[in-house]
Amino acid sequence: MKNVPFKGIIAYPITPFDNEEQVDIPLFKKLVERLVASGAHGIATLGSAGVLPYLTDTEKEAITEATIEQVANRVPTLVGVSNLTTERTVYHARFAEKAGASALMIIPMSYWKLTDDEIVKHYDTVASKVSIPIMAYNNPATGGLDMSPALLKRLLEIPNITMIKESTGDVQRMHYLRRELGEEAAFYNGSNPLALAAFAAGARGWCTAAPNLIPGLNLALYEAIQKNDLHAAQNIFLKQVDLLKFIVARGLPRAIKAGLNILGENGGYLRSPLQPLALREIEELEGILGEIERLN
C-alpha cells in the first residue's frame, strides 16, 4: 500500500472565534488537546468543521502551526489546504508541509464547474510541489463538485495521492473503489451517519467532528470493527446515530460549538454569517446528549 499515515478515528476540531470574531488560538489549542487526550488516532484541521473558506491566509497559517505545535507528534496531523486556485493551494500545501503536517487534505473548490481533466491537473500540480501524502476529499455539498469513482481512481494514480475521503453518503463508491483497486485504495468515511456502513465497506478510518462531543462512542465503534464484532458495533452505532444525523443537518461548526457549551466546555463564538443554533435546536441537542449519557 502507498504511504498512508492514518487509520481509525481522525478527529476534527472546530475553529473557535472570540466575541469580536477573531480566531481564538489559545482556545483552539485547548480543543485540540481535548481530542488528543480523548484517544483520537489523528487530528485533522481546516476542513468543514474548521470553516476553512471563512479564514484569511494568515489565520489558516496560524491554525496550521497551532495544530502541529499542540499535537507535538503524538498522533498524525492532517491539514486542509484547499483553495479556489491552484497557486494558492500549492502555497498552503507547502506551508503545511514545512510546518510539519503528516499529510494534506484537498477538496476541489470551484465557482465555475471544473472538468475532470482540470481537477486531475489541479491535484497533480499540487502533488508535484510537496512530498507528503495527500487525501483527496470528495464533498459536493460543500465544494460544489462531485468527483466520480472513475475520477477518484485517476487521482490515485498520482504518486503521493494515497487517500480518499468520501462524504457523498454513497457507500457504494467505497465498494467500487475497493473492488477496483483492492488494498491500494485507502478510503475514509466523511459522512457521519454512514460510519458503520463505511467501516463494513472497508473504510480505513472515519474523519469526524463527533469526538468533540462523544469520543468514547466513536472509538468504541472502531474498536468493535477491529475485533470483527459486528453485533457490538451495531449497538454502539445506534447509540450515537441520532447525534451524527443532528450535527450534519445543523452544520458542524454550529452544532459542535453548541454541544461543547452543553457539556460545560467553551466552544467559542462563530464568524458571520454563521449564527448559533436556535433555542429549540439547542434543546433538541441537549435531549440527544442526555439520552446518550443515559444509555451509557
C-alpha atoms as a PDB file:
ATOM      1  CA  MET A   1       0.000   0.000   0.000  1.00  0.00           C
ATOM      2  CA  LYS A   2       1.089   3.573  -0.635  1.00  0.00           C
ATOM      3  CA  ASN A   3       2.150   5.801   2.276  1.00  0.00           C
ATOM      4  CA  VAL A   4      -0.995   6.091   4.391  1.00  0.00           C
ATOM      5  CA  PRO A   5      -0.393   7.632   7.832  1.00  0.00           C
ATOM      6  CA  PHE A   6      -3.971   7.417   9.146  1.00  0.00           C
ATOM      7  CA  LYS A   7      -6.337   4.802  10.464  1.00  0.00           C
ATOM      8  CA  GLY A   8      -9.165   4.792  12.978  1.00  0.00           C
ATOM      9  CA  ILE A   9     -10.830   7.940  14.279  1.00  0.00           C
ATOM     10  CA  ILE A  10      -9.465  11.131  12.734  1.00  0.00           C
ATOM     11  CA  ALA A  11     -10.899  13.960  14.813  1.00  0.00           C
ATOM     12  CA  TYR A  12     -11.692  17.456  13.558  1.00  0.00           C
ATOM     13  CA  PRO A  13     -11.631  20.408  15.958  1.00  0.00           C
ATOM     14  CA  ILE A  14     -13.779  23.423  15.216  1.00  0.00           C
ATOM     15  CA  THR A  15     -12.143  26.809  14.703  1.00  0.00           C
ATOM     16  CA  PRO A  16     -13.361  28.973  17.610  1.00  0.00           C
ATOM     17  CA  PHE A  17     -13.646  32.754  17.460  1.00  0.00           C
ATOM     18  CA  ASP A  18     -13.741  35.381  20.205  1.00  0.00           C
ATOM     19  CA  ASN A  19     -16.621  37.822  20.688  1.00  0.00           C
ATOM     20  CA  GLU A  20     -15.094  40.111  18.052  1.00  0.00           C
ATOM     21  CA  GLU A  21     -14.998  37.249  15.532  1.00  0.00           C
ATOM     22  CA  GLN A  22     -11.222  36.880  15.641  1.00  0.00           C
ATOM     23  CA  VAL A  23      -9.697  33.399  15.679  1.00  0.00           C
ATOM     24  CA  ASP A  24      -9.087  32.325  19.279  1.00  0.00           C
ATOM     25  CA  ILE A  25      -5.819  30.396  19.063  1.00  0.00           C
ATOM     26  CA  PRO A  26      -5.459  29.620  22.812  1.00  0.00           C
ATOM     27  CA  LEU A  27      -8.973  28.144  22.873  1.00  0.00           C
ATOM     28  CA  PHE A  28      -8.308  26.269  19.635  1.00  0.00           C
ATOM     29  CA  LYS A  29      -5.266  24.614  21.172  1.00  0.00           C
ATOM     30  CA  LYS A  30      -7.335  23.572  24.200  1.00  0.00           C
ATOM     31  CA  LEU A  31      -9.907  21.973  21.894  1.00  0.00           C
ATOM     32  CA  VAL A  32      -7.162  20.135  20.020  1.00  0.00           C
ATOM     33  CA  GLU A  33      -5.715  18.888  23.304  1.00  0.00           C
ATOM     34  CA  ARG A  34      -9.125  17.543  24.353  1.00  0.00           C
ATOM     35  CA  LEU A  35      -9.233  15.477  21.175  1.00  0.00           C
ATOM     36  CA  VAL A  36      -5.699  14.130  21.546  1.00  0.00           C
ATOM     37  CA  ALA A  37      -6.336  13.293  25.205  1.00  0.00           C
ATOM     38  CA  SER A  38      -9.589  11.530  24.275  1.00  0.00           C
ATOM     39  CA  GLY A  39      -7.637   8.939  22.309  1.00  0.00           C
ATOM     40  CA  ALA A  40      -8.232  10.108  18.739  1.00  0.00           C
ATOM     41  CA  HIS A  41      -5.949   8.341  16.274  1.00  0.00           C
ATOM     42  CA  GLY A  42      -5.305  11.505  14.261  1.00  0.00           C
ATOM     43  CA  ILE A  43      -6.114  15.221  14.246  1.00  0.00           C
ATOM     44  CA  ALA A  44      -7.391  16.934  11.109  1.00  0.00           C
ATOM     45  CA  THR A  45      -7.817  20.666  10.853  1.00  0.00           C
ATOM     46  CA  LEU A  46      -9.103  23.219   8.354  1.00  0.00           C
ATOM     47  CA  GLY A  47     -11.953  21.151   6.986  1.00  0.00           C
ATOM     48  CA  SER A  48     -15.693  21.765   7.158  1.00  0.00           C
ATOM     49  CA  ALA A  49     -15.739  21.897  10.962  1.00  0.00           C
ATOM     50  CA  GLY A  50     -12.837  24.339  10.839  1.00  0.00           C
ATOM     51  CA  VAL A  51     -14.690  26.720   8.472  1.00  0.00           C
ATOM     52  CA  LEU A  52     -11.746  26.825   6.072  1.00  0.00           C
ATOM     53  CA  PRO A  53     -13.363  29.141   3.471  1.00  0.00           C
ATOM     54  CA  TYR A  54     -14.098  31.797   6.126  1.00  0.00           C
ATOM     55  CA  LEU A  55     -10.457  32.221   7.140  1.00  0.00           C
ATOM     56  CA  THR A  56      -7.747  34.507   5.808  1.00  0.00           C
ATOM     57  CA  ASP A  57      -4.412  33.100   4.675  1.00  0.00           C
ATOM     58  CA  THR A  58      -2.790  34.393   7.867  1.00  0.00           C
ATOM     59  CA  GLU A  59      -5.438  32.692  10.001  1.00  0.00           C
ATOM     60  CA  LYS A  60      -5.023  29.409   8.125  1.00  0.00           C
ATOM     61  CA  GLU A  61      -1.298  29.538   8.782  1.00  0.00           C
ATOM     62  CA  ALA A  62      -1.858  30.256  12.482  1.00  0.00           C
ATOM     63  CA  ILE A  63      -4.301  27.337  12.789  1.00  0.00           C
ATOM     64  CA  THR A  64      -1.884  25.023  10.962  1.00  0.00           C
ATOM     65  CA  GLU A  65       1.011  25.935  13.233  1.00  0.00           C
ATOM     66  CA  ALA A  66      -1.134  25.740  16.383  1.00  0.00           C
ATOM     67  CA  THR A  67      -2.365  22.267  15.438  1.00  0.00           C
ATOM     68  CA  ILE A  68       1.080  20.841  14.813  1.00  0.00           C
ATOM     69  CA  GLU A  69       2.546  22.518  17.898  1.00  0.00           C
ATOM     70  CA  GLN A  70      -0.209  21.236  20.188  1.00  0.00           C
ATOM     71  CA  VAL A  71      -0.292  17.704  18.802  1.00  0.00           C
ATOM     72  CA  ALA A  72       3.501  17.518  19.106  1.00  0.00           C
ATOM     73  CA  ASN A  73       3.809  14.327  17.032  1.00  0.00           C
ATOM     74  CA  ARG A  74       1.653  12.301  19.409  1.00  0.00           C
ATOM     75  CA  VAL A  75      -0.653  11.364  16.528  1.00  0.00           C
ATOM     76  CA  PRO A  76      -0.558  12.139  12.782  1.00  0.00           C
ATOM     77  CA  THR A  77      -1.880  15.509  11.615  1.00  0.00           C
ATOM     78  CA  LEU A  78      -3.949  16.169   8.505  1.00  0.00           C
ATOM     79  CA  VAL A  79      -4.221  19.778   7.295  1.00  0.00           C
ATOM     80  CA  GLY A  80      -6.765  21.107   4.806  1.00  0.00           C
ATOM     81  CA  VAL A  81      -5.107  23.329   2.198  1.00  0.00           C
ATOM     82  CA  SER A  82      -7.919  23.786  -0.317  1.00  0.00           C
ATOM     83  CA  ASN A  83      -8.394  26.982  -2.285  1.00  0.00           C
ATOM     84  CA  LEU A  84     -10.173  28.127  -5.432  1.00  0.00           C
ATOM     85  CA  THR A  85      -6.897  28.498  -7.321  1.00  0.00           C
ATOM     86  CA  THR A  86      -4.123  26.007  -7.844  1.00  0.00           C
ATOM     87  CA  GLU A  87      -1.494  28.617  -6.975  1.00  0.00           C
ATOM     88  CA  ARG A  88      -2.944  29.290  -3.502  1.00  0.00           C
ATOM     89  CA  THR A  89      -3.498  25.589  -2.879  1.00  0.00           C
ATOM     90  CA  VAL A  90       0.171  24.980  -3.649  1.00  0.00           C
ATOM     91  CA  TYR A  91       1.112  27.834  -1.318  1.00  0.00           C
ATOM     92  CA  HIS A  92      -0.855  26.407   1.618  1.00  0.00           C
ATOM     93  CA  ALA A  93       0.319  22.858   0.860  1.00  0.00           C
ATOM     94  CA  ARG A  94       3.942  23.933   1.034  1.00  0.00           C
ATOM     95  CA  PHE A  95       3.315  25.904   4.206  1.00  0.00           C
ATOM     96  CA  ALA A  96       1.665  22.927   5.927  1.00  0.00           C
ATOM     97  CA  GLU A  97       4.413  20.552   4.837  1.00  0.00           C
ATOM     98  CA  LYS A  98       7.110  22.902   6.129  1.00  0.00           C
ATOM     99  CA  ALA A  99       5.209  23.337   9.411  1.00  0.00           C
ATOM    100  CA  GLY A 100       5.304  19.562   9.944  1.00  0.00           C
ATOM    101  CA  ALA A 101       1.939  18.206   8.815  1.00  0.00           C
ATOM    102  CA  SER A 102       1.802  14.447   8.295  1.00  0.00           C
ATOM    103  CA  ALA A 103      -0.484  14.775   5.274  1.00  0.00           C
ATOM    104  CA  LEU A 104      -2.653  17.221   3.351  1.00  0.00           C
ATOM    105  CA  MET A 105      -6.346  17.212   2.513  1.00  0.00           C
ATOM    106  CA  ILE A 106      -7.594  18.861  -0.687  1.00  0.00           C
ATOM    107  CA  ILE A 107     -11.143  19.377  -1.910  1.00  0.00           C
ATOM    108  CA  PRO A 108     -11.563  20.840  -5.402  1.00  0.00           C
ATOM    109  CA  MET A 109     -13.334  24.127  -4.671  1.00  0.00           C
ATOM    110  CA  SER A 110     -14.929  25.825  -7.652  1.00  0.00           C
ATOM    111  CA  TYR A 111     -17.171  28.694  -8.715  1.00  0.00           C
ATOM    112  CA  TRP A 112     -17.137  27.510 -12.323  1.00  0.00           C
ATOM    113  CA  LYS A 113     -17.705  23.783 -12.750  1.00  0.00           C
ATOM    114  CA  LEU A 114     -14.361  22.109 -13.398  1.00  0.00           C
ATOM    115  CA  THR A 115     -13.857  19.287 -15.873  1.00  0.00           C
ATOM    116  CA  ASP A 116     -12.304  16.013 -14.778  1.00  0.00           C
ATOM    117  CA  ASP A 117      -9.111  16.904 -16.626  1.00  0.00           C
ATOM    118  CA  GLU A 118      -8.915  20.259 -14.827  1.00  0.00           C
ATOM    119  CA  ILE A 119      -9.368  18.546 -11.454  1.00  0.00           C
ATOM    120  CA  VAL A 120      -6.657  15.981 -12.235  1.00  0.00           C
ATOM    121  CA  LYS A 121      -4.260  18.727 -13.313  1.00  0.00           C
ATOM    122  CA  HIS A 122      -5.048  20.715 -10.147  1.00  0.00           C
ATOM    123  CA  TYR A 123      -4.211  17.760  -7.904  1.00  0.00           C
ATOM    124  CA  ASP A 124      -1.209  16.715  -9.976  1.00  0.00           C
ATOM    125  CA  THR A 125       0.270  20.213  -9.807  1.00  0.00           C
ATOM    126  CA  VAL A 126      -0.110  20.449  -6.036  1.00  0.00           C
ATOM    127  CA  ALA A 127       1.175  16.898  -5.520  1.00  0.00           C
ATOM    128  CA  SER A 128       4.286  17.675  -7.569  1.00  0.00           C
ATOM    129  CA  LYS A 129       5.197  20.539  -5.219  1.00  0.00           C
ATOM    130  CA  VAL A 130       5.131  18.557  -1.950  1.00  0.00           C
ATOM    131  CA  SER A 131       6.454  15.210  -0.769  1.00  0.00           C
ATOM    132  CA  ILE A 132       3.941  14.252   1.933  1.00  0.00           C
ATOM    133  CA  PRO A 133       0.768  12.204   1.287  1.00  0.00           C
ATOM    134  CA  ILE A 134      -2.439  13.852   0.074  1.00  0.00           C
ATOM    135  CA  MET A 135      -6.037  12.937   0.842  1.00  0.00           C
ATOM    136  CA  ALA A 136      -8.464  13.736  -1.985  1.00  0.00           C
ATOM    137  CA  TYR A 137     -11.653  14.975  -0.357  1.00  0.00           C
ATOM    138  CA  ASN A 138     -14.959  14.488  -2.169  1.00  0.00           C
ATOM    139  CA  ASN A 139     -17.777  16.528  -0.656  1.00  0.00           C
ATOM    140  CA  PRO A 140     -20.097  18.023  -3.275  1.00  0.00           C
ATOM    141  CA  ALA A 141     -22.312  19.575  -0.586  1.00  0.00           C
ATOM    142  CA  THR A 142     -19.536  21.981   0.396  1.00  0.00           C
ATOM    143  CA  GLY A 143     -17.119  22.031  -2.548  1.00  0.00           C
ATOM    144  CA  GLY A 144     -19.741  22.172  -5.276  1.00  0.00           C
ATOM    145  CA  LEU A 145     -18.130  19.343  -7.254  1.00  0.00           C
ATOM    146  CA  ASP A 146     -18.835  15.617  -7.162  1.00  0.00           C
ATOM    147  CA  MET A 147     -15.850  13.506  -8.134  1.00  0.00           C
ATOM    148  CA  SER A 148     -16.996  10.253  -9.701  1.00  0.00           C
ATOM    149  CA  PRO A 149     -15.454   6.909  -8.739  1.00  0.00           C
ATOM    150  CA  ALA A 150     -13.703   6.883 -12.127  1.00  0.00           C
ATOM    151  CA  LEU A 151     -12.169  10.295 -11.412  1.00  0.00           C
ATOM    152  CA  LEU A 152     -11.100   9.261  -7.916  1.00  0.00           C
ATOM    153  CA  LYS A 153      -9.423   6.239  -9.467  1.00  0.00           C
ATOM    154  CA  ARG A 154      -7.486   8.582 -11.782  1.00  0.00           C
ATOM    155  CA  LEU A 155      -6.395  10.707  -8.830  1.00  0.00           C
ATOM    156  CA  LEU A 156      -4.979   7.679  -7.041  1.00  0.00           C
ATOM    157  CA  GLU A 157      -2.626   7.201  -9.977  1.00  0.00           C
ATOM    158  CA  ILE A 158      -0.808  10.368  -8.855  1.00  0.00           C
ATOM    159  CA  PRO A 159       2.065   9.040  -6.696  1.00  0.00           C
ATOM    160  CA  ASN A 160       1.513  10.872  -3.396  1.00  0.00           C
ATOM    161  CA  ILE A 161      -2.279  10.956  -3.520  1.00  0.00           C
ATOM    162  CA  THR A 162      -2.752   7.963  -1.277  1.00  0.00           C
ATOM    163  CA  MET A 163      -6.110   8.524   0.413  1.00  0.00           C
ATOM    164  CA  ILE A 164      -9.708   9.372  -0.432  1.00  0.00           C
ATOM    165  CA  LYS A 165     -12.248  10.900   1.926  1.00  0.00           C
ATOM    166  CA  GLU A 166     -15.773  10.199   0.711  1.00  0.00           C
ATOM    167  CA  SER A 167     -18.533  12.465   2.051  1.00  0.00           C
ATOM    168  CA  THR A 168     -21.280  11.970  -0.512  1.00  0.00           C
ATOM    169  CA  GLY A 169     -23.136   9.433   1.622  1.00  0.00           C
ATOM    170  CA  ASP A 170     -22.889   6.903  -1.218  1.00  0.00           C
ATOM    171  CA  VAL A 171     -21.289   3.883   0.371  1.00  0.00           C
ATOM    172  CA  GLN A 172     -21.370   2.048  -2.966  1.00  0.00           C
ATOM    173  CA  ARG A 173     -18.475   4.246  -4.107  1.00  0.00           C
ATOM    174  CA  MET A 174     -16.313   2.719  -1.409  1.00  0.00           C
ATOM    175  CA  HIS A 175     -17.303  -0.767  -2.506  1.00  0.00           C
ATOM    176  CA  TYR A 176     -16.442   0.168  -6.101  1.00  0.00           C
ATOM    177  CA  LEU A 177     -13.013   1.540  -5.250  1.00  0.00           C
ATOM    178  CA  ARG A 178     -12.232  -1.405  -3.015  1.00  0.00           C
ATOM    179  CA  ARG A 179     -13.201  -3.784  -5.818  1.00  0.00           C
ATOM    180  CA  GLU A 180     -11.278  -1.882  -8.484  1.00  0.00           C
ATOM    181  CA  LEU A 181      -8.145  -1.023  -6.539  1.00  0.00           C
ATOM    182  CA  GLY A 182      -8.011  -3.500  -3.677  1.00  0.00           C
ATOM    183  CA  GLU A 183      -5.629  -2.642  -0.873  1.00  0.00           C
ATOM    184  CA  GLU A 184      -4.181   0.254  -2.881  1.00  0.00           C
ATOM    185  CA  ALA A 185      -7.310   2.279  -2.099  1.00  0.00           C
ATOM    186  CA  ALA A 186      -7.211   3.777   1.381  1.00  0.00           C
ATOM    187  CA  PHE A 187     -10.519   5.437   1.909  1.00  0.00           C
ATOM    188  CA  TYR A 188     -12.101   7.231   4.802  1.00  0.00           C
ATOM    189  CA  ASN A 189     -15.663   7.908   5.731  1.00  0.00           C
ATOM    190  CA  GLY A 190     -16.660  11.568   5.827  1.00  0.00           C
ATOM    191  CA  SER A 191     -20.416  11.006   6.101  1.00  0.00           C
ATOM    192  CA  ASN A 192     -21.122  10.725   9.816  1.00  0.00           C
ATOM    193  CA  PRO A 193     -24.475   8.877   9.653  1.00  0.00           C
ATOM    194  CA  LEU A 194     -22.886   6.173   7.467  1.00  0.00           C
ATOM    195  CA  ALA A 195     -19.966   5.387   9.752  1.00  0.00           C
ATOM    196  CA  LEU A 196     -20.944   1.771  10.384  1.00  0.00           C
ATOM    197  CA  ALA A 197     -21.732   1.033   6.726  1.00  0.00           C
ATOM    198  CA  ALA A 198     -18.478   2.672   5.643  1.00  0.00           C
ATOM    199  CA  PHE A 199     -16.399   0.551   8.001  1.00  0.00           C
ATOM    200  CA  ALA A 200     -18.228  -2.525   6.746  1.00  0.00           C
ATOM    201  CA  ALA A 201     -17.307  -1.470   3.198  1.00  0.00           C
ATOM    202  CA  GLY A 202     -13.632  -1.360   4.118  1.00  0.00           C
ATOM    203  CA  ALA A 203     -13.046   2.238   5.168  1.00  0.00           C
ATOM    204  CA  ARG A 204      -9.678   2.570   6.876  1.00  0.00           C
ATOM    205  CA  GLY A 205     -10.884   5.374   9.113  1.00  0.00           C
ATOM    206  CA  TRP A 206     -13.577   7.875   9.966  1.00  0.00           C
ATOM    207  CA  CYS A 207     -12.951  11.610   9.573  1.00  0.00           C
ATOM    208  CA  THR A 208     -15.339  13.261  12.002  1.00  0.00           C
ATOM    209  CA  ALA A 209     -16.018  16.181  14.344  1.00  0.00           C
ATOM    210  CA  ALA A 210     -18.118  13.933  16.598  1.00  0.00           C
ATOM    211  CA  PRO A 211     -15.210  13.202  19.012  1.00  0.00           C
ATOM    212  CA  ASN A 212     -15.575  16.777  20.262  1.00  0.00           C
ATOM    213  CA  LEU A 213     -18.759  15.507  21.949  1.00  0.00           C
ATOM    214  CA  ILE A 214     -18.735  11.685  22.138  1.00  0.00           C
ATOM    215  CA  PRO A 215     -15.161  10.415  21.724  1.00  0.00           C
ATOM    216  CA  GLY A 216     -15.757   7.256  23.723  1.00  0.00           C
ATOM    217  CA  LEU A 217     -18.539   6.004  21.463  1.00  0.00           C
ATOM    218  CA  ASN A 218     -16.627   6.873  18.295  1.00  0.00           C
ATOM    219  CA  LEU A 219     -13.561   4.977  19.470  1.00  0.00           C
ATOM    220  CA  ALA A 220     -15.652   2.056  20.719  1.00  0.00           C
ATOM    221  CA  LEU A 221     -17.230   1.680  17.280  1.00  0.00           C
ATOM    222  CA  TYR A 222     -13.832   1.454  15.610  1.00  0.00           C
ATOM    223  CA  GLU A 223     -12.566  -0.999  18.220  1.00  0.00           C
ATOM    224  CA  ALA A 224     -15.595  -3.245  17.704  1.00  0.00           C
ATOM    225  CA  ILE A 225     -14.993  -3.207  13.952  1.00  0.00           C
ATOM    226  CA  GLN A 226     -11.338  -4.109  14.503  1.00  0.00           C
ATOM    227  CA  LYS A 227     -12.460  -7.097  16.554  1.00  0.00           C
ATOM    228  CA  ASN A 228     -14.956  -8.017  13.829  1.00  0.00           C
ATOM    229  CA  ASP A 229     -17.711  -7.854  16.447  1.00  0.00           C
ATOM    230  CA  LEU A 230     -20.481  -6.565  14.198  1.00  0.00           C
ATOM    231  CA  HIS A 231     -23.197  -7.086  16.809  1.00  0.00           C
ATOM    232  CA  ALA A 232     -21.402  -4.852  19.293  1.00  0.00           C
ATOM    233  CA  ALA A 233     -20.580  -2.362  16.533  1.00  0.00           C
ATOM    234  CA  GLN A 234     -24.232  -2.064  15.578  1.00  0.00           C
ATOM    235  CA  ASN A 235     -25.313  -1.477  19.170  1.00  0.00           C
ATOM    236  CA  ILE A 236     -22.606   1.149  19.668  1.00  0.00           C
ATOM    237  CA  PHE A 237     -23.526   2.870  16.426  1.00  0.00           C
ATOM    238  CA  LEU A 238     -27.228   3.012  17.277  1.00  0.00           C
ATOM    239  CA  LYS A 239     -26.406   4.882  20.497  1.00  0.00           C
ATOM    240  CA  GLN A 240     -24.786   7.710  18.552  1.00  0.00           C
ATOM    241  CA  VAL A 241     -26.599   7.816  15.212  1.00  0.00           C
ATOM    242  CA  ASP A 242     -29.138  10.480  16.267  1.00  0.00           C
ATOM    243  CA  LEU A 243     -26.300  12.822  17.232  1.00  0.00           C
ATOM    244  CA  LEU A 244     -24.425  12.078  13.999  1.00  0.00           C
ATOM    245  CA  LYS A 245     -27.509  12.976  11.983  1.00  0.00           C
ATOM    246  CA  PHE A 246     -28.076  16.131  14.041  1.00  0.00           C
ATOM    247  CA  ILE A 247     -24.608  17.596  13.656  1.00  0.00           C
ATOM    248  CA  VAL A 248     -24.700  17.077   9.893  1.00  0.00           C
ATOM    249  CA  ALA A 249     -28.187  18.521   9.491  1.00  0.00           C
ATOM    250  CA  ARG A 250     -27.476  21.623  11.618  1.00  0.00           C
ATOM    251  CA  GLY A 251     -23.944  22.240  10.312  1.00  0.00           C
ATOM    252  CA  LEU A 252     -20.794  21.067  12.049  1.00  0.00           C
ATOM    253  CA  PRO A 253     -19.471  24.404  13.394  1.00  0.00           C
ATOM    254  CA  ARG A 254     -22.846  25.421  14.863  1.00  0.00           C
ATOM    255  CA  ALA A 255     -23.696  22.018  16.287  1.00  0.00           C
ATOM    256  CA  ILE A 256     -20.292  21.197  17.764  1.00  0.00           C
ATOM    257  CA  LYS A 257     -19.993  24.639  19.366  1.00  0.00           C
ATOM    258  CA  ALA A 258     -23.433  24.243  20.954  1.00  0.00           C
ATOM    259  CA  GLY A 259     -22.629  20.713  22.082  1.00  0.00           C
ATOM    260  CA  LEU A 260     -19.391  21.800  23.729  1.00  0.00           C
ATOM    261  CA  ASN A 261     -21.268  24.506  25.624  1.00  0.00           C
ATOM    262  CA  ILE A 262     -23.881  21.973  26.767  1.00  0.00           C
ATOM    263  CA  LEU A 263     -21.073  19.750  28.054  1.00  0.00           C
ATOM    264  CA  GLY A 264     -19.637  22.652  30.031  1.00  0.00           C
ATOM    265  CA  GLU A 265     -16.775  23.313  27.613  1.00  0.00           C
ATOM    266  CA  ASN A 266     -16.056  26.647  25.964  1.00  0.00           C
ATOM    267  CA  GLY A 267     -16.910  26.354  22.282  1.00  0.00           C
ATOM    268  CA  GLY A 268     -16.128  29.970  21.465  1.00  0.00           C
ATOM    269  CA  TYR A 269     -18.078  32.078  19.009  1.00  0.00           C
ATOM    270  CA  LEU A 270     -18.878  31.753  15.317  1.00  0.00           C
ATOM    271  CA  ARG A 271     -17.863  34.051  12.469  1.00  0.00           C
ATOM    272  CA  SER A 272     -20.620  35.768  10.497  1.00  0.00           C
ATOM    273  CA  PRO A 273     -22.635  34.887   8.546  1.00  0.00           C
ATOM    274  CA  LEU A 274     -22.810  31.722  10.700  1.00  0.00           C
ATOM    275  CA  GLN A 275     -25.099  32.125  13.690  1.00  0.00           C
ATOM    276  CA  PRO A 276     -25.636  29.952  16.797  1.00  0.00           C
ATOM    277  CA  LEU A 277     -28.305  27.283  16.887  1.00  0.00           C
ATOM    278  CA  ALA A 278     -31.809  28.415  17.762  1.00  0.00           C
ATOM    279  CA  LEU A 279     -33.070  27.699  21.286  1.00  0.00           C
ATOM    280  CA  ARG A 280     -35.292  24.848  20.110  1.00  0.00           C
ATOM    281  CA  GLU A 281     -32.296  23.269  18.336  1.00  0.00           C
ATOM    282  CA  ILE A 282     -30.155  23.580  21.461  1.00  0.00           C
ATOM    283  CA  GLU A 283     -32.913  21.921  23.478  1.00  0.00           C
ATOM    284  CA  GLU A 284     -33.062  19.107  20.915  1.00  0.00           C
ATOM    285  CA  LEU A 285     -29.303  18.658  21.151  1.00  0.00           C
ATOM    286  CA  GLU A 286     -29.477  18.635  24.944  1.00  0.00           C
ATOM    287  CA  GLY A 287     -32.033  15.832  24.705  1.00  0.00           C
ATOM    288  CA  ILE A 288     -29.875  13.790  22.351  1.00  0.00           C
ATOM    289  CA  LEU A 289     -26.765  14.174  24.517  1.00  0.00           C
ATOM    290  CA  GLY A 290     -28.803  13.374  27.620  1.00  0.00           C
ATOM    291  CA  GLU A 291     -30.104  10.175  26.052  1.00  0.00           C
ATOM    292  CA  ILE A 292     -26.581   9.138  25.080  1.00  0.00           C
ATOM    293  CA  GLU A 293     -25.442   9.670  28.666  1.00  0.00           C
ATOM    294  CA  ARG A 294     -28.400   7.644  29.941  1.00  0.00           C
ATOM    295  CA  LEU A 295     -27.631   4.738  27.584  1.00  0.00           C
ATOM    296  CA  ASN A 296     -24.010   4.689  28.687  1.00  0.00           C
END
